[in-house]
Amino acid sequence: MLDMDHATNKNFTFVTGRRKYLLFTDITGYGEITPILSSLDEQNLLYMVYYFNEFSSNHDLKTYLSQQKMGTYIYASGNWNSIISFVKTAEKAGFTEEELQIKGIGERILRVFCSRCYAINVCKTSKEMVCQSCGQSLSVSNHYSRRYDAYLGYTILN
């Protein structure tokens, strides 16, 4: 899975020189993509805007993304559940971190890998947590494991 922190931006940055731009959003994220829409309009560039719910399934979305030509760039903004699902589908369709920017809205749920017992934990965005399996206090790092689709949780020594 793509590293969400790598592709996540506080504010979108307009990337020039692309063949086509695709913008994906939902009601919560539409306001975040309007500056990009303005830049694309000003420069008279080719773009398409889609709501996540326009595709009946992830398979339909993957099919559409797989048909895009090289040089396509993606901006996606919306609630974190929509963003995570979208990024997984975009990755399966062949897009990389360098070809997209995302912005999640609202509370984000993280998967955290315990370095003591190797369990995967689920937590809300925080710096520290307690492993649900072994009870060890963990410091949630910004190191992301693609293998485990989780952030690494390092043990806190008291």
C-alpha atoms as a PDB file:
ATOM      1  CA  MET A   1       0.000   0.000   0.000  1.00  0.00           C
ATOM      2  CA  LEU A   2       1.129   3.535  -0.689  1.00  0.00           C
ATOM      3  CA  ASP A   3       2.510   5.519   2.213  1.00  0.00           C
ATOM      4  CA  MET A   4      -0.368   7.839   3.147  1.00  0.00           C
ATOM      5  CA  ASP A   5       1.930  10.360   4.815  1.00  0.00           C
ATOM      6  CA  HIS A   6       4.038  10.715   1.669  1.00  0.00           C
ATOM      7  CA  ALA A   7       1.074  11.589  -0.535  1.00  0.00           C
ATOM      8  CA  THR A   8      -0.856  13.574   2.094  1.00  0.00           C
ATOM      9  CA  ASN A   9      -0.660  17.349   1.946  1.00  0.00           C
ATOM     10  CA  LYS A  10      -1.942  20.034   4.266  1.00  0.00           C
ATOM     11  CA  ASN A  11      -2.605  22.077   1.143  1.00  0.00           C
ATOM     12  CA  PHE A  12      -2.553  20.783  -2.392  1.00  0.00           C
ATOM     13  CA  THR A  13       0.400  21.836  -4.525  1.00  0.00           C
ATOM     14  CA  PHE A  14      -0.304  22.421  -8.187  1.00  0.00           C
ATOM     15  CA  VAL A  15       1.891  20.173 -10.349  1.00  0.00           C
ATOM     16  CA  THR A  16       2.511  21.443 -13.868  1.00  0.00           C
ATOM     17  CA  GLY A  17       3.374  19.584 -17.039  1.00  0.00           C
ATOM     18  CA  ARG A  18       0.914  16.691 -16.826  1.00  0.00           C
ATOM     19  CA  ARG A  19      -1.162  15.316 -19.668  1.00  0.00           C
ATOM     20  CA  LYS A  20      -4.402  15.162 -17.718  1.00  0.00           C
ATOM     21  CA  TYR A  21      -5.626  15.827 -14.199  1.00  0.00           C
ATOM     22  CA  LEU A  22      -8.206  13.775 -12.324  1.00  0.00           C
ATOM     23  CA  LEU A  23      -9.830  15.178  -9.203  1.00  0.00           C
ATOM     24  CA  PHE A  24     -11.763  12.912  -6.849  1.00  0.00           C
ATOM     25  CA  THR A  25     -13.754  14.164  -3.897  1.00  0.00           C
ATOM     26  CA  ASP A  26     -16.831  13.877  -1.743  1.00  0.00           C
ATOM     27  CA  ILE A  27     -19.002  16.531  -0.119  1.00  0.00           C
ATOM     28  CA  THR A  28     -16.542  17.038   2.770  1.00  0.00           C
ATOM     29  CA  GLY A  29     -13.524  17.476   0.496  1.00  0.00           C
ATOM     30  CA  TYR A  30     -14.853  19.567  -2.369  1.00  0.00           C
ATOM     31  CA  GLY A  31     -13.720  22.856  -0.834  1.00  0.00           C
ATOM     32  CA  GLU A  32     -10.161  21.548  -0.635  1.00  0.00           C
ATOM     33  CA  ILE A  33      -9.856  20.979  -4.385  1.00  0.00           C
ATOM     34  CA  THR A  34     -11.325  24.318  -5.528  1.00  0.00           C
ATOM     35  CA  PRO A  35      -7.909  26.088  -5.601  1.00  0.00           C
ATOM     36  CA  ILE A  36      -6.622  23.338  -7.929  1.00  0.00           C
ATOM     37  CA  LEU A  37      -9.731  23.703 -10.094  1.00  0.00           C
ATOM     38  CA  SER A  38      -9.045  27.443 -10.370  1.00  0.00           C
ATOM     39  CA  SER A  39      -5.425  26.819 -11.411  1.00  0.00           C
ATOM     40  CA  LEU A  40      -6.487  24.261 -14.019  1.00  0.00           C
ATOM     41  CA  ASP A  41      -9.136  26.628 -15.417  1.00  0.00           C
ATOM     42  CA  GLU A  42      -6.720  29.572 -15.554  1.00  0.00           C
ATOM     43  CA  GLN A  43      -4.204  27.519 -17.529  1.00  0.00           C
ATOM     44  CA  ASN A  44      -6.883  25.893 -19.702  1.00  0.00           C
ATOM     45  CA  LEU A  45      -5.672  22.370 -18.871  1.00  0.00           C
ATOM     46  CA  LEU A  46      -7.548  19.095 -19.355  1.00  0.00           C
ATOM     47  CA  TYR A  47      -9.189  17.769 -16.179  1.00  0.00           C
ATOM     48  CA  MET A  48     -12.125  15.752 -14.912  1.00  0.00           C
ATOM     49  CA  VAL A  49     -13.842  15.966 -11.513  1.00  0.00           C
ATOM     50  CA  TYR A  50     -15.516  12.937  -9.958  1.00  0.00           C
ATOM     51  CA  TYR A  51     -17.291  12.199  -6.716  1.00  0.00           C
ATOM     52  CA  PHE A  52     -16.195   8.942  -5.107  1.00  0.00           C
ATOM     53  CA  ASN A  53     -19.782   7.652  -5.196  1.00  0.00           C
ATOM     54  CA  GLU A  54     -20.008   8.021  -9.002  1.00  0.00           C
ATOM     55  CA  PHE A  55     -18.356   4.615  -9.297  1.00  0.00           C
ATOM     56  CA  SER A  56     -20.593   1.735  -8.280  1.00  0.00           C
ATOM     57  CA  SER A  57     -17.674  -0.359  -7.011  1.00  0.00           C
ATOM     58  CA  ASN A  58     -13.929  -0.292  -6.463  1.00  0.00           C
ATOM     59  CA  HIS A  59     -13.662  -2.607  -9.451  1.00  0.00           C
ATOM     60  CA  ASP A  60     -15.299   0.016 -11.709  1.00  0.00           C
ATOM     61  CA  LEU A  61     -12.973   2.686 -10.316  1.00  0.00           C
ATOM     62  CA  LYS A  62      -9.930   0.453 -10.838  1.00  0.00           C
ATOM     63  CA  THR A  63     -11.005  -0.235 -14.422  1.00  0.00           C
ATOM     64  CA  TYR A  64     -11.378   3.490 -15.102  1.00  0.00           C
ATOM     65  CA  LEU A  65      -8.014   4.349 -13.507  1.00  0.00           C
ATOM     66  CA  SER A  66      -6.269   1.499 -15.356  1.00  0.00           C
ATOM     67  CA  GLN A  67      -7.393   3.002 -18.672  1.00  0.00           C
ATOM     68  CA  GLN A  68      -5.666   6.325 -17.988  1.00  0.00           C
ATOM     69  CA  LYS A  69      -2.578   7.191 -20.011  1.00  0.00           C
ATOM     70  CA  MET A  70       0.847   7.956 -18.600  1.00  0.00           C
ATOM     71  CA  GLY A  71       1.124  11.537 -17.443  1.00  0.00           C
ATOM     72  CA  THR A  72      -2.208  11.537 -15.601  1.00  0.00           C
ATOM     73  CA  TYR A  73      -2.062  13.210 -12.194  1.00  0.00           C
ATOM     74  CA  ILE A  74      -4.596  12.698  -9.381  1.00  0.00           C
ATOM     75  CA  TYR A  75      -5.823  14.936  -6.562  1.00  0.00           C
ATOM     76  CA  ALA A  76      -8.193  13.326  -4.046  1.00  0.00           C
ATOM     77  CA  SER A  77      -9.879  14.943  -1.068  1.00  0.00           C
ATOM     78  CA  GLY A  78     -12.547  13.604   1.264  1.00  0.00           C
ATOM     79  CA  ASN A  79     -13.191  11.751   4.493  1.00  0.00           C
ATOM     80  CA  TRP A  80     -10.433   9.361   5.515  1.00  0.00           C
ATOM     81  CA  ASN A  81     -12.435   6.198   4.823  1.00  0.00           C
ATOM     82  CA  SER A  82     -13.033   7.291   1.226  1.00  0.00           C
ATOM     83  CA  ILE A  83      -9.410   8.364   0.804  1.00  0.00           C
ATOM     84  CA  ILE A  84      -7.952   5.102   2.121  1.00  0.00           C
ATOM     85  CA  SER A  85     -10.211   3.032  -0.122  1.00  0.00           C
ATOM     86  CA  PHE A  86      -9.410   5.262  -3.104  1.00  0.00           C
ATOM     87  CA  VAL A  87      -5.639   5.085  -2.586  1.00  0.00           C
ATOM     88  CA  LYS A  88      -5.709   1.285  -2.372  1.00  0.00           C
ATOM     89  CA  THR A  89      -7.671   1.146  -5.637  1.00  0.00           C
ATOM     90  CA  ALA A  90      -5.379   3.668  -7.354  1.00  0.00           C
ATOM     91  CA  GLU A  91      -2.354   1.614  -6.327  1.00  0.00           C
ATOM     92  CA  LYS A  92      -3.904  -1.549  -7.768  1.00  0.00           C
ATOM     93  CA  ALA A  93      -4.511   0.390 -10.996  1.00  0.00           C
ATOM     94  CA  GLY A  94      -0.794   1.248 -11.194  1.00  0.00           C
ATOM     95  CA  PHE A  95      -0.567   4.765  -9.760  1.00  0.00           C
ATOM     96  CA  THR A  96       2.368   5.655  -7.519  1.00  0.00           C
ATOM     97  CA  GLU A  97       2.890   8.145  -4.690  1.00  0.00           C
ATOM     98  CA  GLU A  98       4.472  10.558  -7.160  1.00  0.00           C
ATOM     99  CA  GLU A  99       1.310  10.627  -9.284  1.00  0.00           C
ATOM    100  CA  LEU A 100      -1.177  11.674  -6.641  1.00  0.00           C
ATOM    101  CA  GLN A 101      -1.841  14.003  -3.758  1.00  0.00           C
ATOM    102  CA  ILE A 102      -4.455  13.305  -1.107  1.00  0.00           C
ATOM    103  CA  LYS A 103      -6.075  15.215   1.689  1.00  0.00           C
ATOM    104  CA  GLY A 104      -8.139  13.403   4.286  1.00  0.00           C
ATOM    105  CA  ILE A 105     -10.817  15.236   6.231  1.00  0.00           C
ATOM    106  CA  GLY A 106     -11.882  14.344   9.761  1.00  0.00           C
ATOM    107  CA  GLU A 107     -10.594  11.758  12.176  1.00  0.00           C
ATOM    108  CA  ARG A 108      -8.078   9.247  10.845  1.00  0.00           C
ATOM    109  CA  ILE A 109      -7.805   5.696  12.144  1.00  0.00           C
ATOM    110  CA  LEU A 110      -4.270   4.268  12.097  1.00  0.00           C
ATOM    111  CA  ARG A 111      -3.055   0.695  12.022  1.00  0.00           C
ATOM    112  CA  VAL A 112      -0.069   0.308  14.367  1.00  0.00           C
ATOM    113  CA  PHE A 113       2.347  -2.654  14.427  1.00  0.00           C
ATOM    114  CA  CYS A 114       3.548  -3.585  17.925  1.00  0.00           C
ATOM    115  CA  SER A 115       7.306  -4.143  17.930  1.00  0.00           C
ATOM    116  CA  ARG A 116       7.017  -6.330  21.033  1.00  0.00           C
ATOM    117  CA  CYS A 117       4.331  -8.912  20.165  1.00  0.00           C
ATOM    118  CA  TYR A 118       3.904  -8.171  16.416  1.00  0.00           C
ATOM    119  CA  ALA A 119       0.164  -7.552  16.719  1.00  0.00           C
ATOM    120  CA  ILE A 120      -1.650  -5.014  14.566  1.00  0.00           C
ATOM    121  CA  ASN A 121      -3.552  -2.425  16.605  1.00  0.00           C
ATOM    122  CA  VAL A 122      -6.071   0.168  15.558  1.00  0.00           C
ATOM    123  CA  CYS A 123      -5.955   3.623  17.091  1.00  0.00           C
ATOM    124  CA  LYS A 124      -7.024   7.167  16.465  1.00  0.00           C
ATOM    125  CA  THR A 125      -4.341   9.588  15.440  1.00  0.00           C
ATOM    126  CA  SER A 126      -2.045   9.916  18.447  1.00  0.00           C
ATOM    127  CA  LYS A 127       1.585   9.817  19.470  1.00  0.00           C
ATOM    128  CA  GLU A 128       1.230   7.069  22.064  1.00  0.00           C
ATOM    129  CA  MET A 129      -1.007   4.067  22.665  1.00  0.00           C
ATOM    130  CA  VAL A 130      -1.208   0.795  24.573  1.00  0.00           C
ATOM    131  CA  CYS A 131      -1.004  -2.452  22.580  1.00  0.00           C
ATOM    132  CA  GLN A 132      -4.357  -4.227  22.717  1.00  0.00           C
ATOM    133  CA  SER A 133      -2.633  -7.608  22.628  1.00  0.00           C
ATOM    134  CA  CYS A 134       0.263  -7.417  25.096  1.00  0.00           C
ATOM    135  CA  GLY A 135      -0.421  -4.194  27.037  1.00  0.00           C
ATOM    136  CA  GLN A 136       2.925  -2.591  26.148  1.00  0.00           C
ATOM    137  CA  SER A 137       3.006   1.212  25.878  1.00  0.00           C
ATOM    138  CA  LEU A 138       3.918   2.171  22.308  1.00  0.00           C
ATOM    139  CA  SER A 139       5.174   5.317  20.655  1.00  0.00           C
ATOM    140  CA  VAL A 140       3.530   5.604  17.226  1.00  0.00           C
ATOM    141  CA  SER A 141       6.244   6.523  14.748  1.00  0.00           C
ATOM    142  CA  ASN A 142       5.974   8.014  11.289  1.00  0.00           C
ATOM    143  CA  HIS A 143       7.683   4.913   9.865  1.00  0.00           C
ATOM    144  CA  TYR A 144       5.203   3.098   7.668  1.00  0.00           C
ATOM    145  CA  SER A 145       5.473  -0.593   6.802  1.00  0.00           C
ATOM    146  CA  ARG A 146       4.022  -1.471   3.424  1.00  0.00           C
ATOM    147  CA  ARG A 147       4.349  -5.122   4.327  1.00  0.00           C
ATOM    148  CA  TYR A 148       2.025  -4.768   7.327  1.00  0.00           C
ATOM    149  CA  ASP A 149       0.030  -1.784   6.028  1.00  0.00           C
ATOM    150  CA  ALA A 150       0.680  -0.175   9.415  1.00  0.00           C
ATOM    151  CA  TYR A 151       2.804   2.361  11.223  1.00  0.00           C
ATOM    152  CA  LEU A 152       5.474   1.011  13.517  1.00  0.00           C
ATOM    153  CA  GLY A 153       4.889   1.233  17.254  1.00  0.00           C
ATOM    154  CA  TYR A 154       8.081   1.312  19.280  1.00  0.00           C
ATOM    155  CA  THR A 155       8.059   0.178  22.907  1.00  0.00           C
ATOM    156  CA  ILE A 156       8.273   2.901  25.535  1.00  0.00           C
ATOM    157  CA  LEU A 157      10.694   2.047  28.290  1.00  0.00           C
ATOM    158  CA  ASN A 158       9.737   3.458  31.690  1.00  0.00           C
END
